[in-house]
PDB file of all heavy atoms in Angstrom:
ATOM      1  N   ASN A   1      20.645  12.034  27.490  1.00  0.00           N
ATOM      2  CA  ASN A   1      20.135  12.816  26.361  1.00  0.00           C
ATOM      3  C   ASN A   1      20.709  14.228  26.313  1.00  0.00           C
ATOM      4  O   ASN A   1      20.599  14.908  25.304  1.00  0.00           O
ATOM      5  CB  ASN A   1      18.609  12.873  26.400  1.00  0.00           C
ATOM      6  CG  ASN A   1      17.996  11.518  26.057  1.00  0.00           C
ATOM      7  OD1 ASN A   1      18.653  10.669  25.471  1.00  0.00           O
ATOM      8  ND2 ASN A   1      16.749  11.326  26.423  1.00  0.00           N
ATOM      9  N   LYS A   2      21.305  14.648  27.412  1.00  0.00           N
ATOM     10  CA  LYS A   2      21.931  15.978  27.455  1.00  0.00           C
ATOM     11  C   LYS A   2      23.429  15.925  27.112  1.00  0.00           C
ATOM     12  O   LYS A   2      24.082  16.961  27.016  1.00  0.00           O
ATOM     13  CB  LYS A   2      21.737  16.589  28.839  1.00  0.00           C
ATOM     14  CG  LYS A   2      20.267  16.840  29.177  1.00  0.00           C
ATOM     15  CD  LYS A   2      20.117  17.694  30.386  1.00  0.00           C
ATOM     16  CE  LYS A   2      18.688  18.077  30.728  1.00  0.00           C
ATOM     17  NZ  LYS A   2      17.600  17.334  30.212  1.00  0.00           N
ATOM     18  N   PHE A   3      23.977  14.727  26.921  1.00  0.00           N
ATOM     19  CA  PHE A   3      25.417  14.586  26.671  1.00  0.00           C
ATOM     20  C   PHE A   3      25.902  15.358  25.438  1.00  0.00           C
ATOM     21  O   PHE A   3      26.957  15.996  25.492  1.00  0.00           O
ATOM     22  CB  PHE A   3      25.815  13.120  26.594  1.00  0.00           C
ATOM     23  CG  PHE A   3      25.905  12.434  27.935  1.00  0.00           C
ATOM     24  CD1 PHE A   3      25.620  13.106  29.123  1.00  0.00           C
ATOM     25  CD2 PHE A   3      26.281  11.112  28.025  1.00  0.00           C
ATOM     26  CE1 PHE A   3      25.700  12.484  30.357  1.00  0.00           C
ATOM     27  CE2 PHE A   3      26.378  10.474  29.251  1.00  0.00           C
ATOM     28  CZ  PHE A   3      26.084  11.157  30.420  1.00  0.00           C
ATOM     29  N   PRO A   4      25.164  15.353  24.299  1.00  0.00           N
ATOM     30  CA  PRO A   4      25.642  16.157  23.160  1.00  0.00           C
ATOM     31  C   PRO A   4      25.663  17.655  23.460  1.00  0.00           C
ATOM     32  O   PRO A   4      26.544  18.374  22.984  1.00  0.00           O
ATOM     33  CB  PRO A   4      24.637  15.828  22.049  1.00  0.00           C
ATOM     34  CG  PRO A   4      24.097  14.497  22.416  1.00  0.00           C
ATOM     35  CD  PRO A   4      24.036  14.490  23.914  1.00  0.00           C
ATOM     36  N   ILE A   5      24.709  18.130  24.264  1.00  0.00           N
ATOM     37  CA  ILE A   5      24.685  19.547  24.648  1.00  0.00           C
ATOM     38  C   ILE A   5      25.889  19.867  25.527  1.00  0.00           C
ATOM     39  O   ILE A   5      26.566  20.886  25.335  1.00  0.00           O
ATOM     40  CB  ILE A   5      23.363  19.896  25.374  1.00  0.00           C
ATOM     41  CG1 ILE A   5      22.190  19.755  24.409  1.00  0.00           C
ATOM     42  CG2 ILE A   5      23.415  21.309  25.955  1.00  0.00           C
ATOM     43  CD1 ILE A   5      20.831  19.826  25.053  1.00  0.00           C
ATOM     44  N   ILE A   6      26.175  18.975  26.478  1.00  0.00           N
ATOM     45  CA  ILE A   6      27.336  19.164  27.360  1.00  0.00           C
ATOM     46  C   ILE A   6      28.624  19.154  26.533  1.00  0.00           C
ATOM     47  O   ILE A   6      29.507  19.992  26.726  1.00  0.00           O
ATOM     48  CB  ILE A   6      27.376  18.092  28.467  1.00  0.00           C
ATOM     49  CG1 ILE A   6      26.152  18.232  29.377  1.00  0.00           C
ATOM     50  CG2 ILE A   6      28.663  18.189  29.286  1.00  0.00           C
ATOM     51  CD1 ILE A   6      25.915  17.053  30.301  1.00  0.00           C
ATOM     52  N   ALA A   7      28.705  18.218  25.571  1.00  0.00           N
ATOM     53  CA  ALA A   7      29.880  18.149  24.687  1.00  0.00           C
ATOM     54  C   ALA A   7      30.014  19.439  23.881  1.00  0.00           C
ATOM     55  O   ALA A   7      31.120  19.957  23.693  1.00  0.00           O
ATOM     56  CB  ALA A   7      29.776  16.945  23.755  1.00  0.00           C
ATOM     57  N   GLY A   8      28.881  19.984  23.419  1.00  0.00           N
ATOM     58  CA  GLY A   8      28.900  21.249  22.682  1.00  0.00           C
ATOM     59  C   GLY A   8      29.404  22.401  23.535  1.00  0.00           C
ATOM     60  O   GLY A   8      30.182  23.229  23.067  1.00  0.00           O
ATOM     61  N   LEU A   9      28.980  22.431  24.787  1.00  0.00           N
ATOM     62  CA  LEU A   9      29.454  23.474  25.705  1.00  0.00           C
ATOM     63  C   LEU A   9      30.956  23.355  25.936  1.00  0.00           C
ATOM     64  O   LEU A   9      31.672  24.357  25.958  1.00  0.00           O
ATOM     65  CB  LEU A   9      28.707  23.396  27.038  1.00  0.00           C
ATOM     66  CG  LEU A   9      27.235  23.845  27.002  1.00  0.00           C
ATOM     67  CD1 LEU A   9      26.557  23.546  28.331  1.00  0.00           C
ATOM     68  CD2 LEU A   9      27.136  25.325  26.670  1.00  0.00           C
ATOM     69  N   ILE A  10      31.429  22.113  26.094  1.00  0.00           N
ATOM     70  CA  ILE A  10      32.877  21.894  26.268  1.00  0.00           C
ATOM     71  C   ILE A  10      33.632  22.410  25.042  1.00  0.00           C
ATOM     72  O   ILE A  10      34.653  23.088  25.160  1.00  0.00           O
ATOM     73  CB  ILE A  10      33.185  20.398  26.510  1.00  0.00           C
ATOM     74  CG1 ILE A  10      32.643  19.956  27.872  1.00  0.00           C
ATOM     75  CG2 ILE A  10      34.692  20.119  26.427  1.00  0.00           C
ATOM     76  CD1 ILE A  10      32.665  18.452  28.095  1.00  0.00           C
ATOM     77  N   PHE A  11      33.104  22.107  23.850  1.00  0.00           N
ATOM     78  CA  PHE A  11      33.751  22.551  22.611  1.00  0.00           C
ATOM     79  C   PHE A  11      33.790  24.075  22.524  1.00  0.00           C
ATOM     80  O   PHE A  11      34.829  24.669  22.217  1.00  0.00           O
ATOM     81  CB  PHE A  11      33.028  21.966  21.393  1.00  0.00           C
ATOM     82  CG  PHE A  11      33.574  22.474  20.087  1.00  0.00           C
ATOM     83  CD1 PHE A  11      34.786  22.003  19.597  1.00  0.00           C
ATOM     84  CD2 PHE A  11      32.895  23.447  19.370  1.00  0.00           C
ATOM     85  CE1 PHE A  11      35.308  22.488  18.408  1.00  0.00           C
ATOM     86  CE2 PHE A  11      33.407  23.940  18.176  1.00  0.00           C
ATOM     87  CZ  PHE A  11      34.616  23.453  17.703  1.00  0.00           C
ATOM     88  N   VAL A  12      32.661  24.737  22.789  1.00  0.00           N
ATOM     89  CA  VAL A  12      32.586  26.197  22.700  1.00  0.00           C
ATOM     90  C   VAL A  12      33.528  26.849  23.711  1.00  0.00           C
ATOM     91  O   VAL A  12      34.263  27.796  23.383  1.00  0.00           O
ATOM     92  CB  VAL A  12      31.133  26.693  22.893  1.00  0.00           C
ATOM     93  CG1 VAL A  12      31.080  28.200  23.078  1.00  0.00           C
ATOM     94  CG2 VAL A  12      30.270  26.277  21.702  1.00  0.00           C
ATOM     95  N   ILE A  13      33.540  26.334  24.940  1.00  0.00           N
ATOM     96  CA  ILE A  13      34.430  26.879  25.977  1.00  0.00           C
ATOM     97  C   ILE A  13      35.889  26.722  25.553  1.00  0.00           C
ATOM     98  O   ILE A  13      36.706  27.639  25.716  1.00  0.00           O
ATOM     99  CB  ILE A  13      34.162  26.205  27.342  1.00  0.00           C
ATOM    100  CG1 ILE A  13      32.802  26.661  27.890  1.00  0.00           C
ATOM    101  CG2 ILE A  13      35.274  26.510  28.343  1.00  0.00           C
ATOM    102  CD1 ILE A  13      32.284  25.849  29.060  1.00  0.00           C
ATOM    103  N   THR A  14      36.220  25.573  24.979  1.00  0.00           N
ATOM    104  CA  THR A  14      37.595  25.337  24.515  1.00  0.00           C
ATOM    105  C   THR A  14      37.962  26.294  23.387  1.00  0.00           C
ATOM    106  O   THR A  14      39.063  26.860  23.370  1.00  0.00           O
ATOM    107  CB  THR A  14      37.765  23.873  24.054  1.00  0.00           C
ATOM    108  OG1 THR A  14      37.369  23.002  25.113  1.00  0.00           O
ATOM    109  CG2 THR A  14      39.197  23.566  23.668  1.00  0.00           C
ATOM    110  N   ALA A  15      37.046  26.490  22.439  1.00  0.00           N
ATOM    111  CA  ALA A  15      37.304  27.393  21.309  1.00  0.00           C
ATOM    112  C   ALA A  15      37.512  28.831  21.796  1.00  0.00           C
ATOM    113  O   ALA A  15      38.466  29.503  21.392  1.00  0.00           O
ATOM    114  CB  ALA A  15      36.145  27.340  20.309  1.00  0.00           C
ATOM    115  N   VAL A  16      36.638  29.287  22.682  1.00  0.00           N
ATOM    116  CA  VAL A  16      36.748  30.649  23.209  1.00  0.00           C
ATOM    117  C   VAL A  16      38.044  30.806  24.002  1.00  0.00           C
ATOM    118  O   VAL A  16      38.754  31.815  23.879  1.00  0.00           O
ATOM    119  CB  VAL A  16      35.514  30.998  24.079  1.00  0.00           C
ATOM    120  CG1 VAL A  16      35.735  32.289  24.860  1.00  0.00           C
ATOM    121  CG2 VAL A  16      34.268  31.098  23.213  1.00  0.00           C
ATOM    122  N   THR A  17      38.385  29.790  24.793  1.00  0.00           N
ATOM    123  CA  THR A  17      39.610  29.835  25.593  1.00  0.00           C
ATOM    124  C   THR A  17      40.843  29.905  24.701  1.00  0.00           C
ATOM    125  O   THR A  17      41.770  30.691  24.961  1.00  0.00           O
ATOM    126  CB  THR A  17      39.708  28.607  26.527  1.00  0.00           C
ATOM    127  OG1 THR A  17      38.552  28.566  27.358  1.00  0.00           O
ATOM    128  CG2 THR A  17      40.954  28.658  27.392  1.00  0.00           C
ATOM    129  N   ALA A  18      40.883  29.096  23.629  1.00  0.00           N
ATOM    130  CA  ALA A  18      42.037  29.083  22.720  1.00  0.00           C
ATOM    131  C   ALA A  18      42.228  30.435  22.048  1.00  0.00           C
ATOM    132  O   ALA A  18      43.353  30.956  21.959  1.00  0.00           O
ATOM    133  CB  ALA A  18      41.870  27.982  21.674  1.00  0.00           C
ATOM    134  N   VAL A  19      41.123  31.030  21.579  1.00  0.00           N
ATOM    135  CA  VAL A  19      41.209  32.344  20.924  1.00  0.00           C
ATOM    136  C   VAL A  19      41.628  33.410  21.933  1.00  0.00           C
ATOM    137  O   VAL A  19      42.536  34.211  21.674  1.00  0.00           O
ATOM    138  CB  VAL A  19      39.857  32.714  20.271  1.00  0.00           C
ATOM    139  CG1 VAL A  19      39.879  34.151  19.761  1.00  0.00           C
ATOM    140  CG2 VAL A  19      39.540  31.761  19.126  1.00  0.00           C
ATOM    141  N   ALA A  20      40.970  33.416  23.102  1.00  0.00           N
ATOM    142  CA  ALA A  20      41.265  34.427  24.125  1.00  0.00           C
ATOM    143  C   ALA A  20      42.704  34.310  24.615  1.00  0.00           C
ATOM    144  O   ALA A  20      43.395  35.322  24.795  1.00  0.00           O
ATOM    145  CB  ALA A  20      40.291  34.283  25.301  1.00  0.00           C
ATOM    146  N   TYR A  21      43.185  33.087  24.802  1.00  0.00           N
ATOM    147  CA  TYR A  21      44.554  32.879  25.284  1.00  0.00           C
ATOM    148  C   TYR A  21      45.575  33.450  24.307  1.00  0.00           C
ATOM    149  O   TYR A  21      46.487  34.189  24.696  1.00  0.00           O
ATOM    150  CB  TYR A  21      44.808  31.388  25.513  1.00  0.00           C
ATOM    151  CG  TYR A  21      46.164  31.092  26.090  1.00  0.00           C
ATOM    152  CD1 TYR A  21      46.375  31.135  27.459  1.00  0.00           C
ATOM    153  CD2 TYR A  21      47.245  30.773  25.264  1.00  0.00           C
ATOM    154  CE1 TYR A  21      47.635  30.878  28.002  1.00  0.00           C
ATOM    155  CE2 TYR A  21      48.496  30.515  25.789  1.00  0.00           C
ATOM    156  CZ  TYR A  21      48.685  30.559  27.157  1.00  0.00           C
ATOM    157  OH  TYR A  21      49.933  30.314  27.684  1.00  0.00           O
ATOM    158  N   SER A  22      45.407  33.112  23.022  1.00  0.00           N
ATOM    159  CA  SER A  22      46.380  33.598  22.029  1.00  0.00           C
ATOM    160  C   SER A  22      46.311  35.119  21.889  1.00  0.00           C
ATOM    161  O   SER A  22      47.327  35.774  21.679  1.00  0.00           O
ATOM    162  CB  SER A  22      46.156  32.920  20.675  1.00  0.00           C
ATOM    163  OG  SER A  22      44.917  33.303  20.130  1.00  0.00           O
ATOM    164  N   TRP A  23      45.132  35.678  22.036  1.00  0.00           N
ATOM    165  CA  TRP A  23      44.958  37.119  21.908  1.00  0.00           C
ATOM    166  C   TRP A  23      45.542  37.838  23.123  1.00  0.00           C
ATOM    167  O   TRP A  23      46.326  38.779  22.985  1.00  0.00           O
ATOM    168  CB  TRP A  23      43.469  37.424  21.755  1.00  0.00           C
ATOM    169  CG  TRP A  23      43.158  38.843  21.380  1.00  0.00           C
ATOM    170  CD1 TRP A  23      43.839  39.634  20.503  1.00  0.00           C
ATOM    171  CD2 TRP A  23      42.084  39.624  21.878  1.00  0.00           C
ATOM    172  NE1 TRP A  23      43.238  40.868  20.416  1.00  0.00           N
ATOM    173  CE2 TRP A  23      42.153  40.894  21.254  1.00  0.00           C
ATOM    174  CE3 TRP A  23      41.056  39.390  22.779  1.00  0.00           C
ATOM    175  CZ2 TRP A  23      41.249  41.911  21.511  1.00  0.00           C
ATOM    176  CZ3 TRP A  23      40.140  40.402  23.027  1.00  0.00           C
ATOM    177  CH2 TRP A  23      40.251  41.644  22.404  1.00  0.00           C
ATOM    178  N   LEU A  24      45.169  37.378  24.329  1.00  0.00           N
ATOM    179  CA  LEU A  24      45.631  38.043  25.559  1.00  0.00           C
ATOM    180  C   LEU A  24      47.139  37.883  25.780  1.00  0.00           C
ATOM    181  O   LEU A  24      47.786  38.769  26.319  1.00  0.00           O
ATOM    182  CB  LEU A  24      44.861  37.514  26.774  1.00  0.00           C
ATOM    183  CG  LEU A  24      43.368  37.859  26.793  1.00  0.00           C
ATOM    184  CD1 LEU A  24      42.660  37.121  27.912  1.00  0.00           C
ATOM    185  CD2 LEU A  24      43.159  39.362  26.909  1.00  0.00           C
ATOM    186  N   LYS A  25      47.690  36.736  25.356  1.00  0.00           N
ATOM    187  CA  LYS A  25      49.131  36.505  25.514  1.00  0.00           C
ATOM    188  C   LYS A  25      49.948  37.162  24.398  1.00  0.00           C
ATOM    189  O   LYS A  25      51.172  37.117  24.407  1.00  0.00           O
ATOM    190  CB  LYS A  25      49.425  35.004  25.537  1.00  0.00           C
ATOM    191  CG  LYS A  25      49.027  34.321  26.831  1.00  0.00           C
ATOM    192  CD  LYS A  25      50.038  34.625  27.894  1.00  0.00           C
ATOM    193  CE  LYS A  25      49.801  33.810  29.142  1.00  0.00           C
ATOM    194  NZ  LYS A  25      50.799  34.081  30.167  1.00  0.00           N
ATOM    195  N   GLY A  26      49.259  37.730  23.423  1.00  0.00           N
ATOM    196  CA  GLY A  26      49.968  38.390  22.325  1.00  0.00           C
ATOM    197  C   GLY A  26      50.576  37.413  21.336  1.00  0.00           C
ATOM    198  O   GLY A  26      51.446  37.776  20.542  1.00  0.00           O
ATOM    199  N   ILE A  27      50.122  36.152  21.366  1.00  0.00           N
ATOM    200  CA  ILE A  27      50.639  35.145  20.432  1.00  0.00           C
ATOM    201  C   ILE A  27      50.093  35.412  19.029  1.00  0.00           C
ATOM    202  O   ILE A  27      50.793  35.305  18.037  1.00  0.00           O
ATOM    203  CB  ILE A  27      50.265  33.722  20.901  1.00  0.00           C
ATOM    204  CG1 ILE A  27      50.892  33.435  22.269  1.00  0.00           C
ATOM    205  CG2 ILE A  27      50.689  32.673  19.886  1.00  0.00           C
ATOM    206  CD1 ILE A  27      50.365  32.180  22.938  1.00  0.00           C
ATOM    207  N   TYR A  28      48.803  35.754  18.989  1.00  0.00           N
ATOM    208  CA  TYR A  28      48.179  36.029  17.694  1.00  0.00           C
ATOM    209  C   TYR A  28      46.931  36.864  17.924  1.00  0.00           C
ATOM    210  O   TYR A  28      46.193  36.627  18.875  1.00  0.00           O
ATOM    211  CB  TYR A  28      47.806  34.714  16.990  1.00  0.00           C
ATOM    212  CG  TYR A  28      47.642  34.862  15.496  1.00  0.00           C
ATOM    213  CD1 TYR A  28      48.733  34.731  14.656  1.00  0.00           C
ATOM    214  CD2 TYR A  28      46.404  35.146  14.938  1.00  0.00           C
ATOM    215  CE1 TYR A  28      48.593  34.875  13.283  1.00  0.00           C
ATOM    216  CE2 TYR A  28      46.253  35.297  13.569  1.00  0.00           C
ATOM    217  CZ  TYR A  28      47.359  35.158  12.747  1.00  0.00           C
ATOM    218  OH  TYR A  28      47.222  35.306  11.391  1.00  0.00           O
ATOM    219  N   LYS A  29      46.685  37.827  17.037  1.00  0.00           N
ATOM    220  CA  LYS A  29      45.474  38.636  17.166  1.00  0.00           C
ATOM    221  C   LYS A  29      44.265  37.844  16.658  1.00  0.00           C
ATOM    222  O   LYS A  29      44.408  36.862  15.933  1.00  0.00           O
ATOM    223  CB  LYS A  29      45.613  39.945  16.401  1.00  0.00           C
ATOM    224  CG  LYS A  29      45.757  39.780  14.893  1.00  0.00           C
ATOM    225  CD  LYS A  29      45.910  41.150  14.251  1.00  0.00           C
ATOM    226  CE  LYS A  29      46.180  41.180  12.797  1.00  0.00           C
ATOM    227  NZ  LYS A  29      45.714  40.252  11.905  1.00  0.00           N
ATOM    228  N   TYR A  30      43.083  38.293  17.048  1.00  0.00           N
ATOM    229  CA  TYR A  30      41.861  37.604  16.611  1.00  0.00           C
ATOM    230  C   TYR A  30      41.726  37.728  15.099  1.00  0.00           C
ATOM    231  O   TYR A  30      41.791  38.824  14.552  1.00  0.00           O
ATOM    232  CB  TYR A  30      40.638  38.195  17.314  1.00  0.00           C
ATOM    233  CG  TYR A  30      39.372  37.476  16.961  1.00  0.00           C
ATOM    234  CD1 TYR A  30      39.186  36.151  17.333  1.00  0.00           C
ATOM    235  CD2 TYR A  30      38.374  38.093  16.217  1.00  0.00           C
ATOM    236  CE1 TYR A  30      38.026  35.470  16.994  1.00  0.00           C
ATOM    237  CE2 TYR A  30      37.212  37.422  15.877  1.00  0.00           C
ATOM    238  CZ  TYR A  30      37.054  36.117  16.268  1.00  0.00           C
ATOM    239  OH  TYR A  30      35.906  35.436  15.925  1.00  0.00           O
ATOM    240  N   ASP A  31      41.553  36.603  14.435  1.00  0.00           N
ATOM    241  CA  ASP A  31      41.512  36.574  12.983  1.00  0.00           C
ATOM    242  C   ASP A  31      40.579  35.453  12.543  1.00  0.00           C
ATOM    243  O   ASP A  31      40.823  34.284  12.854  1.00  0.00           O
ATOM    244  CB  ASP A  31      42.931  36.326  12.456  1.00  0.00           C
ATOM    245  CG  ASP A  31      43.025  36.420  10.947  1.00  0.00           C
ATOM    246  OD1 ASP A  31      41.977  36.492  10.276  1.00  0.00           O
ATOM    247  OD2 ASP A  31      44.154  36.415  10.439  1.00  0.00           O
ATOM    248  N   LEU A  32      39.520  35.793  11.843  1.00  0.00           N
ATOM    249  CA  LEU A  32      38.537  34.787  11.407  1.00  0.00           C
ATOM    250  C   LEU A  32      39.101  33.829  10.367  1.00  0.00           C
ATOM    251  O   LEU A  32      38.506  32.794  10.095  1.00  0.00           O
ATOM    252  CB  LEU A  32      37.286  35.480  10.840  1.00  0.00           C
ATOM    253  CG  LEU A  32      36.397  36.198  11.851  1.00  0.00           C
ATOM    254  CD1 LEU A  32      35.252  36.904  11.133  1.00  0.00           C
ATOM    255  CD2 LEU A  32      35.855  35.231  12.882  1.00  0.00           C
ATOM    256  N   ARG A  33      40.255  34.168   9.785  1.00  0.00           N
ATOM    257  CA  ARG A  33      40.846  33.273   8.778  1.00  0.00           C
ATOM    258  C   ARG A  33      41.450  32.023   9.401  1.00  0.00           C
ATOM    259  O   ARG A  33      41.583  31.001   8.740  1.00  0.00           O
ATOM    260  CB  ARG A  33      41.901  34.005   7.958  1.00  0.00           C
ATOM    261  CG  ARG A  33      41.304  35.068   7.035  1.00  0.00           C
ATOM    262  CD  ARG A  33      42.373  35.847   6.353  1.00  0.00           C
ATOM    263  NE  ARG A  33      43.131  36.593   7.373  1.00  0.00           N
ATOM    264  CZ  ARG A  33      44.166  37.364   7.118  1.00  0.00           C
ATOM    265  NH1 ARG A  33      44.603  37.493   5.891  1.00  0.00           N
ATOM    266  NH2 ARG A  33      44.778  37.997   8.090  1.00  0.00           N
ATOM    267  N   LEU A  34      41.835  32.120  10.673  1.00  0.00           N
ATOM    268  CA  LEU A  34      42.421  30.964  11.358  1.00  0.00           C
ATOM    269  C   LEU A  34      41.324  29.985  11.760  1.00  0.00           C
ATOM    270  O   LEU A  34      40.249  30.393  12.191  1.00  0.00           O
ATOM    271  CB  LEU A  34      43.169  31.414  12.617  1.00  0.00           C
ATOM    272  CG  LEU A  34      44.701  31.417  12.519  1.00  0.00           C
ATOM    273  CD1 LEU A  34      45.157  32.350  11.429  1.00  0.00           C
ATOM    274  CD2 LEU A  34      45.300  31.784  13.846  1.00  0.00           C
ATOM    275  N   SER A  35      41.605  28.704  11.627  1.00  0.00           N
ATOM    276  CA  SER A  35      40.646  27.699  12.075  1.00  0.00           C
ATOM    277  C   SER A  35      40.783  27.501  13.584  1.00  0.00           C
ATOM    278  O   SER A  35      41.770  27.917  14.195  1.00  0.00           O
ATOM    279  CB  SER A  35      40.911  26.365  11.356  1.00  0.00           C
ATOM    280  OG  SER A  35      42.144  25.820  11.781  1.00  0.00           O
ATOM    281  N   PHE A  36      39.805  26.840  14.153  1.00  0.00           N
ATOM    282  CA  PHE A  36      39.870  26.465  15.574  1.00  0.00           C
ATOM    283  C   PHE A  36      41.158  25.679  15.834  1.00  0.00           C
ATOM    284  O   PHE A  36      41.874  25.927  16.800  1.00  0.00           O
ATOM    285  CB  PHE A  36      38.633  25.632  15.938  1.00  0.00           C
ATOM    286  CG  PHE A  36      38.760  24.887  17.227  1.00  0.00           C
ATOM    287  CD1 PHE A  36      38.684  25.547  18.445  1.00  0.00           C
ATOM    288  CD2 PHE A  36      38.959  23.511  17.232  1.00  0.00           C
ATOM    289  CE1 PHE A  36      38.802  24.862  19.646  1.00  0.00           C
ATOM    290  CE2 PHE A  36      39.069  22.822  18.418  1.00  0.00           C
ATOM    291  CZ  PHE A  36      38.994  23.493  19.634  1.00  0.00           C
ATOM    292  N   SER A  37      41.456  24.743  14.958  1.00  0.00           N
ATOM    293  CA  SER A  37      42.646  23.895  15.106  1.00  0.00           C
ATOM    294  C   SER A  37      43.932  24.707  15.100  1.00  0.00           C
ATOM    295  O   SER A  37      44.872  24.408  15.841  1.00  0.00           O
ATOM    296  CB  SER A  37      42.698  22.860  13.986  1.00  0.00           C
ATOM    297  OG  SER A  37      41.526  22.088  13.983  1.00  0.00           O
ATOM    298  N   GLU A  38      43.993  25.733  14.255  1.00  0.00           N
ATOM    299  CA  GLU A  38      45.195  26.567  14.194  1.00  0.00           C
ATOM    300  C   GLU A  38      45.359  27.384  15.473  1.00  0.00           C
ATOM    301  O   GLU A  38      46.471  27.552  15.971  1.00  0.00           O
ATOM    302  CB  GLU A  38      45.133  27.489  12.965  1.00  0.00           C
ATOM    303  CG  GLU A  38      45.336  26.720  11.667  1.00  0.00           C
ATOM    304  CD  GLU A  38      45.057  27.550  10.435  1.00  0.00           C
ATOM    305  OE1 GLU A  38      44.035  28.265  10.408  1.00  0.00           O
ATOM    306  OE2 GLU A  38      45.868  27.474   9.492  1.00  0.00           O
ATOM    307  N   TYR A  39      44.244  27.879  16.018  1.00  0.00           N
ATOM    308  CA  TYR A  39      44.322  28.585  17.302  1.00  0.00           C
ATOM    309  C   TYR A  39      44.833  27.653  18.389  1.00  0.00           C
ATOM    310  O   TYR A  39      45.681  28.023  19.200  1.00  0.00           O
ATOM    311  CB  TYR A  39      42.957  29.155  17.701  1.00  0.00           C
ATOM    312  CG  TYR A  39      42.726  30.550  17.192  1.00  0.00           C
ATOM    313  CD1 TYR A  39      41.781  30.799  16.206  1.00  0.00           C
ATOM    314  CD2 TYR A  39      43.442  31.625  17.698  1.00  0.00           C
ATOM    315  CE1 TYR A  39      41.568  32.078  15.730  1.00  0.00           C
ATOM    316  CE2 TYR A  39      43.244  32.915  17.227  1.00  0.00           C
ATOM    317  CZ  TYR A  39      42.300  33.136  16.251  1.00  0.00           C
ATOM    318  OH  TYR A  39      42.101  34.409  15.785  1.00  0.00           O
ATOM    319  N   VAL A  40      44.301  26.436  18.416  1.00  0.00           N
ATOM    320  CA  VAL A  40      44.719  25.446  19.419  1.00  0.00           C
ATOM    321  C   VAL A  40      46.211  25.153  19.272  1.00  0.00           C
ATOM    322  O   VAL A  40      46.932  25.038  20.264  1.00  0.00           O
ATOM    323  CB  VAL A  40      43.881  24.154  19.286  1.00  0.00           C
ATOM    324  CG1 VAL A  40      44.520  22.997  20.037  1.00  0.00           C
ATOM    325  CG2 VAL A  40      42.456  24.384  19.781  1.00  0.00           C
TER     326      VAL A  40
END
C-alpha cells in the first residue's frame, strides 16, 4: 500500500536531480518553462 508513495518519492528525487544537474553543470539554468522531460 506504500508502493505509490515510494514511486512518488522516486519521481520527485529524479526530477530534482535532473534540474539540479543541469543547473550545477551549467547545461541549462532553472526555468519553469522547461518540462521534466526536457530537463531529463
